[in-house]
Protein backbone atom coordinates (compact mmCIF):
# COMPACT_ATOMS: atom_id res chain seq x y z
CA MET A 1 -51.48 -275.75 95.56
CA ASN A 2 -53.55 -275.09 92.25
CA VAL A 3 -52.24 -273.59 89.08
CA ARG A 4 -53.53 -270.07 90.17
CA ASP A 5 -51.81 -270.29 93.45
CA LEU A 6 -48.45 -270.64 91.37
CA LEU A 7 -49.09 -268.24 89.08
CA ILE A 8 -49.60 -265.44 91.64
CA PRO A 9 -46.09 -265.69 93.07
CA PHE A 10 -44.63 -265.67 89.50
CA SER A 11 -46.06 -262.59 88.42
CA VAL A 12 -44.90 -260.59 91.31
CA SER A 13 -41.56 -261.68 91.03
CA CYS A 14 -41.63 -260.86 87.25
CA LEU A 15 -42.13 -257.29 87.98
CA PHE A 16 -39.12 -256.32 89.32
CA LEU A 17 -37.11 -258.13 87.16
CA PHE A 18 -36.59 -255.98 84.36
CA ILE A 19 -36.35 -252.87 86.02
CA LEU A 20 -35.17 -250.50 83.28
CA ILE A 21 -31.99 -248.90 82.97
CA THR A 22 -30.33 -246.84 80.18
CA GLN A 23 -28.36 -249.09 78.35
CA PRO A 24 -25.93 -248.35 75.06
CA LEU A 25 -27.85 -247.75 71.60
CA PHE A 26 -25.37 -247.17 69.20
CA GLY A 27 -22.01 -248.68 68.28
CA GLN A 28 -20.34 -245.14 68.52
CA SER A 29 -21.53 -242.03 70.22
CA ASP A 30 -22.15 -238.87 68.73
CA ARG A 31 -22.27 -235.81 71.27
CA ASN A 32 -23.32 -233.44 68.20
CA GLY A 33 -26.48 -235.57 67.50
CA GLU A 34 -25.88 -235.51 63.77
CA ARG A 35 -27.30 -238.88 62.90
CA ARG A 36 -28.39 -239.71 59.35
CA LEU A 37 -25.92 -242.09 58.10
CA GLY A 38 -28.82 -243.59 56.10
CA SER A 39 -32.68 -242.59 55.45
CA SER A 40 -33.91 -245.65 57.47
CA TYR A 41 -34.22 -246.18 61.30
CA VAL A 42 -36.36 -248.61 63.67
CA ILE A 43 -36.80 -248.29 67.46
CA THR A 44 -37.16 -251.84 68.30
CA ASN A 45 -39.24 -253.40 71.40
CA THR A 46 -39.75 -249.83 72.94
CA THR A 47 -42.84 -248.90 75.32
CA LEU A 48 -44.20 -246.21 73.21
CA ILE A 49 -46.69 -243.46 74.21
CA PRO A 50 -48.12 -242.30 70.97
CA SER A 51 -50.66 -240.13 72.40
CA PRO A 52 -51.45 -238.69 75.96
CA GLY A 53 -53.05 -241.46 78.35
CA LYS A 54 -52.07 -244.79 75.95
CA ILE A 55 -49.07 -246.68 76.58
CA LEU A 56 -47.76 -249.59 74.46
CA GLN A 57 -45.23 -252.28 75.00
CA ASN A 58 -43.01 -254.33 72.69
CA GLN A 59 -43.18 -251.55 69.81
CA HIS A 60 -41.12 -251.04 66.89
CA ILE A 61 -41.21 -247.72 65.08
CA LEU A 62 -39.69 -247.45 61.68
CA PHE A 63 -39.14 -244.12 60.12
CA GLU A 64 -37.54 -243.53 56.88
CA GLU A 65 -36.44 -239.82 55.27
CA GLY A 66 -38.13 -238.03 58.19
CA ILE A 67 -41.59 -240.09 58.28
CA ILE A 68 -42.66 -243.03 60.18
CA THR A 69 -43.59 -245.47 57.81
CA ALA A 70 -44.52 -248.18 60.31
CA VAL A 71 -45.64 -248.82 63.94
CA GLY A 72 -46.29 -252.04 65.88
CA LYS A 73 -45.20 -255.17 67.35
CA ASP A 74 -44.70 -257.47 63.98
CA LEU A 75 -43.06 -255.31 61.68
CA SER A 76 -41.43 -256.03 58.13
CA ILE A 77 -37.84 -254.24 58.89
CA PRO A 78 -35.69 -253.18 55.84
CA ALA A 79 -32.38 -254.93 56.19
CA ALA A 80 -30.72 -251.37 55.76
CA ALA A 81 -32.75 -249.61 58.54
CA GLN A 82 -30.45 -248.77 61.51
CA GLU A 83 -31.60 -250.09 64.66
CA ILE A 84 -31.99 -248.40 67.97
CA LYS A 85 -32.62 -250.77 71.03
CA GLY A 86 -35.30 -249.38 72.88
CA ASP A 87 -35.99 -252.27 74.97
CA SER A 88 -35.71 -250.34 78.20
CA LEU A 89 -36.83 -246.83 76.92
CA PHE A 90 -39.93 -244.97 76.38
CA VAL A 91 -40.74 -242.96 73.49
CA TYR A 92 -42.96 -239.93 72.88
CA ALA A 93 -44.01 -237.34 70.33
CA GLY A 94 -41.45 -234.27 70.12
CA PHE A 95 -42.81 -231.39 72.05
CA ILE A 96 -44.12 -228.53 70.43
CA ASP A 97 -43.47 -224.63 71.24
CA MET A 98 -45.80 -221.94 70.43
CA ALA A 99 -45.04 -218.32 70.57
CA ASN A 100 -41.34 -218.61 70.59
CA LYS A 101 -38.49 -216.05 69.20
CA THR A 102 -35.35 -217.45 69.45
CA GLY A 103 -33.14 -217.30 66.61
CA VAL A 104 -35.33 -213.99 65.44
CA VAL A 105 -33.70 -210.81 64.86
CA GLU A 106 -35.35 -207.66 64.46
CA PRO A 107 -36.12 -205.91 61.20
CA THR A 108 -34.28 -202.60 60.20
CA LEU A 109 -37.05 -200.05 59.88
CA PRO A 110 -37.08 -196.80 58.06
CA GLU A 111 -36.20 -193.56 59.68
CA LYS A 112 -38.76 -190.70 60.29
CA PRO A 113 -38.73 -188.32 57.52
CA GLU A 114 -38.12 -184.79 58.24
CA GLY A 115 -41.03 -183.05 59.17
CA PHE A 116 -43.11 -185.77 59.66
CA ASP A 117 -46.72 -185.93 61.60
CA PRO A 118 -46.61 -188.56 64.34
CA SER A 119 -50.44 -188.65 64.38
CA LYS A 120 -50.19 -190.15 60.78
CA PRO A 121 -46.99 -192.13 60.29
CA MET A 122 -46.19 -194.41 58.09
CA PRO A 123 -47.27 -198.03 59.25
CA GLU A 124 -43.51 -199.64 59.62
CA ILE A 125 -42.56 -196.52 61.82
CA ALA A 126 -45.83 -197.33 63.93
CA GLY A 127 -44.80 -200.86 64.02
CA ILE A 128 -47.70 -201.87 61.80
CA HIS A 129 -46.02 -204.40 59.49
CA PRO A 130 -48.26 -207.47 59.28
CA HIS A 131 -46.64 -208.19 55.81
CA PHE A 132 -43.45 -208.81 57.49
CA ASN A 133 -42.42 -212.49 57.30
CA VAL A 134 -40.45 -213.78 60.27
CA THR A 135 -38.61 -216.00 58.27
CA GLU A 136 -36.59 -213.55 56.51
CA TYR A 137 -35.40 -212.76 60.15
CA TYR A 138 -34.69 -216.32 61.50
CA GLN A 139 -31.39 -217.76 61.79
CA GLN A 140 -31.47 -221.11 61.67
CA SER A 141 -28.26 -221.77 63.14
CA ASN A 142 -28.53 -220.54 66.81
CA PRO A 143 -27.60 -222.15 70.05
CA HIS A 144 -30.73 -221.38 71.80
CA ASP A 145 -32.84 -223.75 69.31
CA LYS A 146 -30.28 -226.59 69.65
CA ALA A 147 -30.48 -226.55 73.56
CA TRP A 148 -34.54 -226.42 73.43
CA ARG A 149 -33.85 -229.40 71.30
CA LYS A 150 -31.77 -231.24 74.06
CA LEU A 151 -35.23 -230.59 76.39
CA GLY A 152 -37.30 -232.54 73.77
CA PHE A 153 -38.33 -229.83 71.64
CA THR A 154 -38.64 -230.87 68.20
CA LEU A 155 -40.86 -227.81 66.24
CA ALA A 156 -41.28 -224.16 67.00
CA GLN A 157 -43.82 -221.48 66.14
CA LYS A 158 -41.64 -218.62 65.41
CA LEU A 159 -42.72 -215.30 66.12
CA PRO A 160 -41.24 -212.02 64.77
CA LEU A 161 -39.69 -209.21 66.72
CA GLY A 162 -40.72 -205.77 66.77
CA LYS A 163 -42.08 -202.67 68.61
CA GLY A 164 -45.59 -201.55 67.86
CA MET A 165 -48.77 -203.56 67.71
CA LEU A 166 -48.46 -205.84 64.22
CA PRO A 167 -44.89 -206.96 63.99
CA GLY A 168 -45.74 -209.50 61.37
CA THR A 169 -46.47 -213.31 60.72
CA SER A 170 -45.10 -216.18 62.14
CA ALA A 171 -43.80 -219.71 61.22
CA LEU A 172 -43.53 -223.00 62.07
CA VAL A 173 -40.02 -224.42 61.98
CA ILE A 174 -38.44 -227.82 62.73
CA TYR A 175 -35.49 -228.32 65.01
CA GLY A 176 -33.71 -230.64 62.14
CA GLN A 177 -30.47 -230.90 60.87
CA GLU A 178 -28.51 -227.72 60.07
CA GLY A 179 -28.44 -226.44 56.33
CA LYS A 180 -31.51 -228.58 55.68
CA ASN A 181 -34.91 -227.11 54.70
CA ASN A 182 -36.67 -226.75 58.19
CA LEU A 183 -39.29 -224.87 57.31
CA ILE A 184 -42.87 -226.04 57.97
CA ALA A 185 -44.93 -223.31 57.00
CA GLU A 186 -45.11 -219.58 56.46
CA HIS A 187 -47.58 -216.69 57.39
CA GLN A 188 -49.12 -219.03 59.86
CA SER A 189 -50.53 -216.37 61.93
CA ILE A 190 -50.80 -212.66 62.56
CA TYR A 191 -48.79 -211.67 65.23
CA PHE A 192 -50.54 -209.02 67.38
CA LYS A 193 -49.66 -207.13 70.94
CA PHE A 194 -50.96 -204.42 73.06
CA SER A 195 -47.65 -202.49 72.36
CA THR A 196 -46.80 -198.95 71.11
CA VAL A 197 -43.84 -197.48 69.48
CA GLY A 198 -43.85 -194.39 71.14
CA GLY A 199 -43.90 -190.88 70.09
CA VAL A 200 -46.40 -191.90 67.57
CA TYR A 201 -50.08 -192.76 67.16
CA PRO A 202 -51.20 -194.96 68.56
CA ASN A 203 -49.50 -194.20 71.80
CA THR A 204 -52.15 -196.00 74.26
CA ASN A 205 -53.73 -199.41 74.48
CA LEU A 206 -57.35 -197.57 73.34
CA GLY A 207 -55.59 -196.19 70.41
CA VAL A 208 -54.48 -199.80 69.40
CA MET A 209 -57.65 -201.23 69.59
CA ALA A 210 -59.13 -198.07 67.58
CA THR A 211 -56.42 -198.46 64.91
CA TRP A 212 -56.92 -202.71 64.81
CA ARG A 213 -60.88 -201.82 63.98
CA ASP A 214 -59.62 -199.19 61.24
CA LEU A 215 -57.32 -201.77 59.63
CA ILE A 216 -60.09 -204.54 59.51
CA GLN A 217 -62.52 -202.29 58.26
CA ASN A 218 -60.37 -200.92 55.43
CA ALA A 219 -59.45 -204.42 54.68
CA ARG A 220 -62.70 -205.01 54.30
CA LEU A 221 -63.18 -202.57 51.76
CA TYR A 222 -59.85 -203.23 50.04
CA LYS A 223 -61.11 -206.86 49.46
CA LYS A 224 -64.53 -205.74 47.99
CA HIS A 225 -62.97 -203.32 45.84
CA LEU A 226 -60.56 -206.02 44.46
CA GLU A 227 -63.55 -208.06 43.91
CA MET A 228 -65.28 -205.60 42.06
CA TYR A 229 -62.30 -204.42 39.89
CA ALA A 230 -62.03 -208.27 38.93
CA ALA A 231 -65.52 -208.24 37.76
CA ASN A 232 -65.52 -205.07 36.02
CA ARG A 233 -62.10 -203.84 34.63
CA ASN A 234 -63.92 -200.29 34.07
CA ILE A 235 -63.31 -199.77 37.78
CA SER A 236 -60.03 -197.84 38.87
CA ARG A 237 -57.40 -199.90 40.02
CA LEU A 238 -56.24 -199.64 43.53
CA GLU A 239 -52.82 -198.80 44.94
CA LYS A 240 -51.07 -201.74 46.37
CA LYS A 241 -51.42 -201.71 50.17
CA PRO A 242 -49.16 -204.56 51.89
CA VAL A 243 -50.84 -204.41 55.25
CA LEU A 244 -54.21 -204.38 53.96
CA GLU A 245 -53.25 -207.21 51.70
CA ALA A 246 -51.54 -208.77 54.88
CA LEU A 247 -54.93 -208.80 56.84
CA MET A 248 -57.10 -210.29 53.91
CA PRO A 249 -56.51 -213.76 55.31
CA VAL A 250 -57.53 -212.86 58.70
CA ILE A 251 -61.06 -211.71 57.34
CA ASN A 252 -61.48 -214.64 55.51
CA GLY A 253 -60.99 -216.81 58.45
CA ASP A 254 -57.96 -218.22 56.93
CA MET A 255 -55.23 -217.16 59.28
CA PRO A 256 -55.61 -216.79 62.98
CA VAL A 257 -54.53 -213.82 65.39
CA LEU A 258 -52.11 -214.63 67.49
CA LEU A 259 -52.71 -212.21 70.44
CA GLU A 260 -50.14 -211.73 73.05
CA ILE A 261 -51.32 -210.98 76.28
CA SER A 262 -50.00 -209.53 79.80
CA ASP A 263 -52.82 -209.65 82.17
CA GLU A 264 -56.27 -210.01 82.60
CA LEU A 265 -57.40 -206.95 81.27
CA ASP A 266 -55.67 -207.71 78.24
CA ILE A 267 -57.73 -210.75 77.96
CA ARG A 268 -60.61 -208.72 78.21
CA ARG A 269 -59.68 -206.73 75.54
CA ALA A 270 -59.04 -209.15 72.97
CA LEU A 271 -62.50 -210.55 73.46
CA LYS A 272 -63.94 -207.32 72.81
CA MET A 273 -61.78 -206.79 69.48
CA LYS A 274 -62.81 -210.48 68.56
CA ASP A 275 -66.60 -209.49 69.51
CA GLU A 276 -66.47 -206.16 67.36
CA ASN A 277 -64.71 -208.04 64.32
CA GLU A 278 -65.17 -211.59 64.13
CA PHE A 279 -61.76 -213.70 63.45
CA ARG A 280 -60.02 -216.83 64.44
CA LEU A 281 -58.29 -215.65 67.97
CA VAL A 282 -55.51 -217.50 70.12
CA LEU A 283 -54.50 -215.93 73.19
CA THR A 284 -50.76 -216.42 74.28
CA GLY A 285 -48.82 -215.70 77.53
CA ILE A 286 -51.49 -216.29 79.79
CA ASN A 287 -50.74 -216.29 83.34
CA GLU A 288 -53.96 -215.43 84.94
CA GLY A 289 -57.58 -214.58 84.72
CA ASP A 290 -59.19 -218.13 86.00
CA LYS A 291 -62.58 -216.37 86.45
CA LEU A 292 -62.56 -215.80 82.35
CA ILE A 293 -62.07 -219.48 81.75
CA PRO A 294 -65.94 -219.80 80.91
CA LEU A 295 -65.92 -217.01 78.62
CA LEU A 296 -62.97 -218.24 76.81
CA LYS A 297 -64.45 -221.69 76.29
CA GLU A 298 -67.70 -220.12 74.96
CA LYS A 299 -65.95 -217.90 72.59
CA LYS A 300 -63.82 -220.82 71.21
CA VAL A 301 -60.77 -218.61 71.86
CA GLY A 302 -57.42 -220.96 71.65
CA ALA A 303 -55.26 -220.62 74.54
CA VAL A 304 -51.37 -220.92 74.92
CA LEU A 305 -50.47 -220.40 78.58
CA THR A 306 -46.94 -219.31 79.92
CA LEU A 307 -44.17 -221.92 81.34
CA ASN A 308 -42.53 -218.76 82.73
CA LEU A 309 -44.61 -218.89 86.17
CA PRO A 310 -43.65 -216.04 88.93
CA GLU A 311 -41.07 -216.85 91.84
CA ASP A 312 -42.30 -218.14 94.98
CA PRO A 313 -42.76 -215.13 97.26
CA SER A 314 -42.11 -217.01 100.28
CA SER A 315 -38.46 -217.34 98.87
CA GLU A 316 -38.01 -213.44 98.99
CA ILE A 317 -39.61 -212.46 102.44
CA PRO A 318 -37.07 -209.44 103.73
CA SER A 319 -35.91 -209.37 106.67
CA GLY A 320 -35.97 -206.73 109.33
CA GLU A 321 -38.80 -204.87 110.52
CA LYS A 322 -42.31 -205.19 108.68
CA SER A 323 -44.82 -202.82 108.37
CA GLU A 324 -48.27 -203.56 109.74
CA ASP A 325 -50.15 -204.83 106.53
CA PHE A 326 -47.10 -207.01 105.51
CA GLU A 327 -49.06 -210.34 106.30
CA THR A 328 -52.27 -209.20 104.56
CA ARG A 329 -50.08 -208.11 101.50
CA MET A 330 -47.86 -211.64 101.66
CA ASP A 331 -51.08 -213.59 102.10
CA ARG A 332 -52.50 -211.72 99.05
CA THR A 333 -49.55 -212.37 97.08
CA LYS A 334 -49.18 -216.22 98.07
CA GLY A 335 -52.36 -216.24 96.79
CA ALA A 336 -51.89 -215.21 93.42
CA TYR A 337 -48.51 -217.19 93.16
CA LYS A 338 -50.81 -220.75 93.94
CA GLN A 339 -53.63 -219.42 91.19
CA SER A 340 -50.87 -218.94 88.52
CA LEU A 341 -49.53 -222.60 89.18
CA ALA A 342 -53.39 -223.59 89.27
CA LEU A 343 -54.44 -222.10 86.10
CA ALA A 344 -53.14 -224.71 83.96
CA GLY A 345 -55.14 -227.58 85.90
CA LYS A 346 -58.21 -225.24 85.65
CA TYR A 347 -58.27 -224.84 81.78
CA GLU A 348 -57.86 -228.74 81.75
CA ALA A 349 -60.54 -229.32 84.02
CA ALA A 350 -63.02 -226.76 81.86
CA GLY A 351 -62.09 -228.84 78.77
CA ILE A 352 -60.21 -226.21 77.00
CA PRO A 353 -57.27 -227.84 75.28
CA PHE A 354 -54.26 -225.28 75.81
CA ALA A 355 -50.70 -225.19 74.52
CA LEU A 356 -47.53 -223.80 76.52
CA THR A 357 -45.33 -221.66 75.64
CA THR A 358 -41.32 -221.08 76.51
CA LYS A 359 -41.29 -217.47 75.80
CA HIS A 360 -39.19 -215.70 78.30
CA LEU A 361 -38.59 -218.86 80.26
CA PRO A 362 -35.11 -219.76 81.30
CA ARG A 363 -34.22 -223.45 80.12
CA GLY A 364 -33.51 -224.37 83.45
CA ASP A 365 -36.75 -223.85 84.88
CA PHE A 366 -38.63 -225.66 82.02
CA SER A 367 -38.83 -229.16 83.85
CA LYS A 368 -39.24 -227.65 87.31
CA ASN A 369 -42.22 -225.36 86.12
CA LEU A 370 -44.06 -228.15 84.33
CA GLN A 371 -43.53 -230.07 87.33
CA LEU A 372 -45.23 -227.24 89.44
CA MET A 373 -48.09 -227.31 87.15
CA VAL A 374 -48.63 -231.00 87.91
CA GLU A 375 -48.27 -230.54 91.40
CA ASN A 376 -51.25 -227.91 91.43
CA GLY A 377 -53.76 -229.61 89.42
CA LEU A 378 -52.79 -230.33 85.91
CA SER A 379 -52.56 -234.05 85.31
CA LYS A 380 -49.79 -235.80 84.01
CA ASP A 381 -51.78 -236.71 80.64
CA GLY A 382 -52.71 -233.00 80.38
CA ALA A 383 -49.03 -231.97 80.67
CA LEU A 384 -48.02 -234.22 77.91
CA ALA A 385 -51.04 -233.08 75.78
CA ALA A 386 -50.16 -229.24 76.30
CA LEU A 387 -46.83 -230.17 74.96
CA THR A 388 -47.66 -232.28 71.69
CA VAL A 389 -51.31 -232.59 70.51
CA ASN A 390 -52.84 -229.26 71.76
CA PRO A 391 -50.22 -227.28 70.14
CA ALA A 392 -50.56 -229.19 67.01
CA LYS A 393 -54.39 -228.82 66.72
CA LEU A 394 -53.98 -225.17 67.55
CA LEU A 395 -51.43 -224.85 64.47
CA GLY A 396 -53.41 -226.93 62.18
CA ILE A 397 -50.88 -229.56 61.72
CA ASP A 398 -52.20 -232.15 63.84
CA ASP A 399 -52.55 -234.36 60.76
CA ARG A 400 -48.78 -234.22 60.48
CA THR A 401 -47.41 -234.35 63.98
CA GLY A 402 -48.64 -234.20 67.64
CA THR A 403 -48.94 -238.04 68.01
CA ILE A 404 -47.13 -241.00 66.70
CA SER A 405 -48.47 -243.10 64.04
CA GLU A 406 -47.49 -244.05 60.67
CA GLY A 407 -47.43 -241.31 58.09
CA LYS A 408 -46.53 -238.50 60.52
CA MET A 409 -43.33 -236.62 60.88
CA ALA A 410 -40.71 -238.39 62.65
CA ASN A 411 -40.33 -236.46 65.83
CA LEU A 412 -39.74 -238.36 68.84
CA LEU A 413 -38.34 -237.93 72.19
CA ILE A 414 -36.88 -241.17 73.81
CA MET A 415 -36.35 -241.23 77.73
CA THR A 416 -34.68 -243.41 80.00
CA ASP A 417 -38.37 -243.58 81.90
CA THR A 418 -41.68 -242.20 81.80
CA LEU A 419 -41.98 -238.22 81.79
CA PHE A 420 -42.45 -237.33 85.43
CA THR A 421 -40.51 -239.83 87.11
CA LYS A 422 -37.57 -238.48 89.02
CA GLY A 423 -34.28 -239.24 87.57
CA ALA A 424 -35.53 -240.04 83.97
CA ALA A 425 -33.21 -238.50 81.20
CA ILE A 426 -33.54 -237.93 77.80
CA GLN A 427 -32.09 -240.24 75.66
CA MET A 428 -32.17 -239.10 72.29
CA VAL A 429 -34.37 -236.59 70.19
CA VAL A 430 -35.59 -237.45 66.49
CA SER A 431 -36.30 -234.40 64.50
CA ASP A 432 -37.10 -234.56 61.02
CA GLY A 433 -35.65 -238.03 61.20
CA TYR A 434 -32.49 -236.99 62.24
CA VAL A 435 -31.20 -238.61 65.57
CA PHE A 436 -29.67 -236.37 68.19
CA ASP A 437 -27.98 -238.63 70.99
CA TYR A 438 -27.51 -237.14 74.14
CA SER A 439 -27.36 -240.33 76.04
CA GLU A 440 -24.53 -240.83 79.01
CA LYS A 441 -22.99 -244.08 78.80
CA PRO A 442 -23.63 -246.20 82.17
CA GLU A 443 -20.41 -246.91 84.09
CA LYS A 444 -18.36 -249.78 83.63
CA GLY A 445 -18.29 -252.15 86.85
CA SER A 446 -20.98 -250.55 88.35
CA LYS A 447 -22.90 -253.57 90.55
CA GLU A 448 -26.14 -253.67 92.22
CA GLU A 449 -28.37 -256.40 93.52
CA ALA A 450 -31.87 -256.41 95.69
CA THR A 451 -33.98 -258.94 97.13
CA TRP A 452 -37.84 -258.82 97.21
CA GLU A 453 -40.59 -260.94 99.15
CA TYR A 454 -43.89 -261.12 97.79
CA GLU A 455 -47.37 -262.28 98.73
CA ALA A 456 -50.28 -263.24 97.05
CA GLU A 457 -53.82 -264.07 97.98
CA THR A 458 -55.55 -266.65 96.12
CA GLN A 459 -58.46 -268.87 96.27
CA GLY A 460 -56.22 -271.18 97.65
CA GLY A 461 -55.08 -268.75 100.35
CA LYS A 462 -51.93 -266.82 100.71
CA SER A 463 -48.73 -267.78 98.93
CA THR A 464 -45.09 -266.27 99.68
CA GLY A 465 -41.62 -266.34 98.00
CA THR A 466 -38.67 -264.24 97.01
CA TRP A 467 -36.92 -263.07 93.79
CA LYS A 468 -33.54 -261.65 93.49
CA ILE A 469 -32.46 -258.82 90.70
CA ASN A 470 -28.88 -258.20 90.03
CA LEU A 471 -27.04 -255.00 88.13
CA SER A 472 -23.91 -255.55 86.54
CA ASP A 473 -22.56 -253.07 83.71
CA GLY A 474 -25.79 -251.45 83.42
CA LYS A 475 -28.05 -254.67 83.03
CA TRP A 476 -30.54 -256.05 85.32
CA THR A 477 -30.86 -260.07 85.75
CA GLY A 478 -32.79 -261.83 88.29
CA THR A 479 -34.46 -265.48 89.19
CA ILE A 480 -37.72 -265.97 90.54
CA THR A 481 -38.31 -269.14 93.17
CA TYR A 482 -41.48 -270.82 93.66
CA GLU A 483 -43.09 -273.95 94.97
CA ASP A 484 -43.24 -276.77 92.63
CA PRO A 485 -46.90 -277.84 92.26
CA GLN A 486 -45.96 -281.21 92.08
CA GLY A 487 -43.83 -280.92 95.28
CA GLN A 488 -40.55 -280.89 94.26
CA GLY A 489 -39.49 -278.44 96.20
CA MET A 490 -38.28 -274.63 94.86
CA LYS A 491 -37.93 -273.86 91.12
CA THR A 492 -36.71 -270.73 89.03
CA SER A 493 -38.50 -268.91 86.29
CA SER A 494 -38.23 -265.62 84.38
CA ILE A 495 -40.17 -263.27 82.41
CA GLU A 496 -40.67 -262.18 79.12
CA ASP A 497 -40.85 -258.16 79.70
CA ALA A 498 -41.99 -255.74 82.05
CA VAL A 499 -42.34 -251.83 82.03
CA ILE A 500 -41.38 -250.26 85.58
CA THR A 501 -41.71 -246.64 86.36
CA GLU A 502 -41.40 -244.89 89.73
CA GLU A 503 -44.99 -244.96 90.34
CA LYS A 504 -46.51 -247.74 88.18
CA MET A 505 -45.93 -251.07 86.80
CA GLN A 506 -47.41 -253.27 83.99
CA PHE A 507 -46.23 -256.26 82.22
CA SER A 508 -47.44 -259.59 80.36
CA PHE A 509 -45.62 -262.89 80.44
CA THR A 510 -46.51 -266.49 79.49
CA VAL A 511 -46.27 -269.54 81.86
CA SER A 512 -45.76 -272.90 80.85
CA VAL A 513 -48.08 -275.56 82.93
CA GLY A 514 -47.56 -278.93 81.65
CA SER A 515 -48.13 -278.72 77.89
CA ASP A 516 -50.26 -275.73 78.52
CA LYS A 517 -49.66 -272.15 78.29
CA LEU A 518 -51.07 -269.13 80.02
CA ASP A 519 -51.16 -265.31 79.28
CA VAL A 520 -50.88 -263.07 82.33
CA GLU A 521 -50.95 -259.18 82.58
CA VAL A 522 -50.01 -257.64 85.52
CA SER A 523 -50.21 -254.08 87.08
CA GLY A 524 -49.93 -252.15 89.91
CA ASN A 525 -48.35 -249.44 91.95
CA LEU A 526 -45.46 -248.33 93.42
CA SER A 527 -44.63 -246.41 96.62
CA GLY A 528 -41.11 -246.39 97.79
CA LYS A 529 -40.13 -250.03 98.96
CA LYS A 530 -43.82 -251.36 98.37
CA PHE A 531 -45.75 -252.44 95.68
CA THR A 532 -49.38 -252.92 95.06
CA GLY A 533 -51.17 -254.62 92.23
CA ASP A 534 -53.49 -256.88 90.83
CA MET A 535 -52.59 -260.06 88.36
CA LYS A 536 -54.89 -260.92 85.36
CA ILE A 537 -54.63 -264.85 84.25
CA ILE A 538 -56.42 -264.73 80.86
CA GLY A 539 -59.14 -267.07 81.28
CA TYR A 540 -58.88 -267.55 85.43
CA GLY A 541 -59.52 -264.19 87.14
CA THR A 542 -57.75 -261.37 88.89
CA PHE A 543 -55.72 -261.63 91.93
CA PRO A 544 -54.30 -258.81 94.33
CA VAL A 545 -50.41 -259.08 94.86
CA LYS A 546 -47.96 -257.20 97.02
CA ALA A 547 -44.38 -257.36 97.86
CA VAL A 548 -41.64 -255.28 99.95
CA LYS A 549 -38.30 -254.99 99.11
CA LYS A 550 -35.60 -255.91 101.68
CA ASP A 551 -33.07 -253.24 102.75
CA LYS A 552 -30.46 -255.93 102.77
CA PRO A 553 -30.22 -258.19 99.73
CA GLU A 554 -29.58 -261.86 100.97
CA LYS A 555 -26.08 -263.74 99.78
CA SER A 556 -26.51 -266.39 96.98
CA ASN A 557 -25.90 -269.86 97.94
CA GLY A 558 -24.11 -270.39 94.89
């Protein structure tokens, strides 16, 4: 048997020895999450997913005063840095929520004056107050944002509350420590709705669209008059108009319009508004209208899909007699439901980098609905992008967050396994450099062991063997048995590191052969109790390997 024959059994065995499990990270636990005892932290030897589709092993992440200062394998770590042991953990960029209203209260509006004309109401009474700043009505200390942070969200775009078409401007806030400055940006976008107050003009959607046209035209005239006055003081001054001044960044192209829609007809109305008065448009709350995807791409419209998916109609079928057209109506309803679940996948296939919003979503449905999108066509990388890099780009903050790299905000999600792995749990969330610990300590005395059999196809024929894995008090250990190439019976070995998820494995290790050392890379797929993959021996080639987990572990001869 040659060297390559030996190395292949080594590789398969190594794959299963480092099955990842949550381990204690700090000497003490803080269930309230308030951990910033110093200003410097380092996550050591972790598996890093810095952006969708990219995975790096054995990485250190150093962050200080809320900023990532270094990422890599070989870092100079300050002595004062508090260590978070990341050996068995996975680190993602923190999630970003768009079009969120939690923690926001509705402003108090003026009363209608006596004898006022409902066809010409003052703007605030008609729900037209784009000059209202949501930060004046946002309550930082609210339980909802803390609960969303526990699910991985570290930053949100907050929308103002209010009836009518223009409730105000949005802001970006970080879910950091209470009492700190958690404001990232004010006046991030103008918030628009096809909504009316009632009893005053505009009281229809057509009236809303007509009012928007008038406002944009008047804002342009207002801007022109201000420019003329600045150049020639002989021109009379204009009366200050807060509504028109708030719209000037829109007509200048400096601020987008975040337009909330409820159906396909709203999308068509929004596109018509954009055509009539060119402005930067982002649609939020999208849950239908897949036929309009090519048009949205052509118009370069930002898209925010809702995570608040409809209920499965199959779970609500009434009992008793059914009308003659019941089956037809049910098939139509089921078809619409399936289209809603598949919408995100269609946006991804069309190349539209969409984001997601949790608006109106019960927190308990977040993971379930995200998984439904994946099961109906959205890739896992696409789902991660919709929660991280895509919203960062739509919000214009991708230079500061959305991915993990030096110089960006320390907004991190630390998990026990990959995002879509069954049973994966959020261990910690880092927001603005503050560490919020949500870990559950493993039970003392828990033990488990398993035995695997492997087979490798090599140039020299088949090679077989076994390896044993032991779990004790939350820590996995194990041994690999292989045939000695010099004919001295069976020997044992171990690996340097491994990454194992519910579906895939990848790892690298070094094997000593005499005075030589060989670097090896292994990757493959898991399906239940079976592993199928390849091993690449650097400089020698790639070979197939497979393994099967035995139902009953063998007893140790020791």
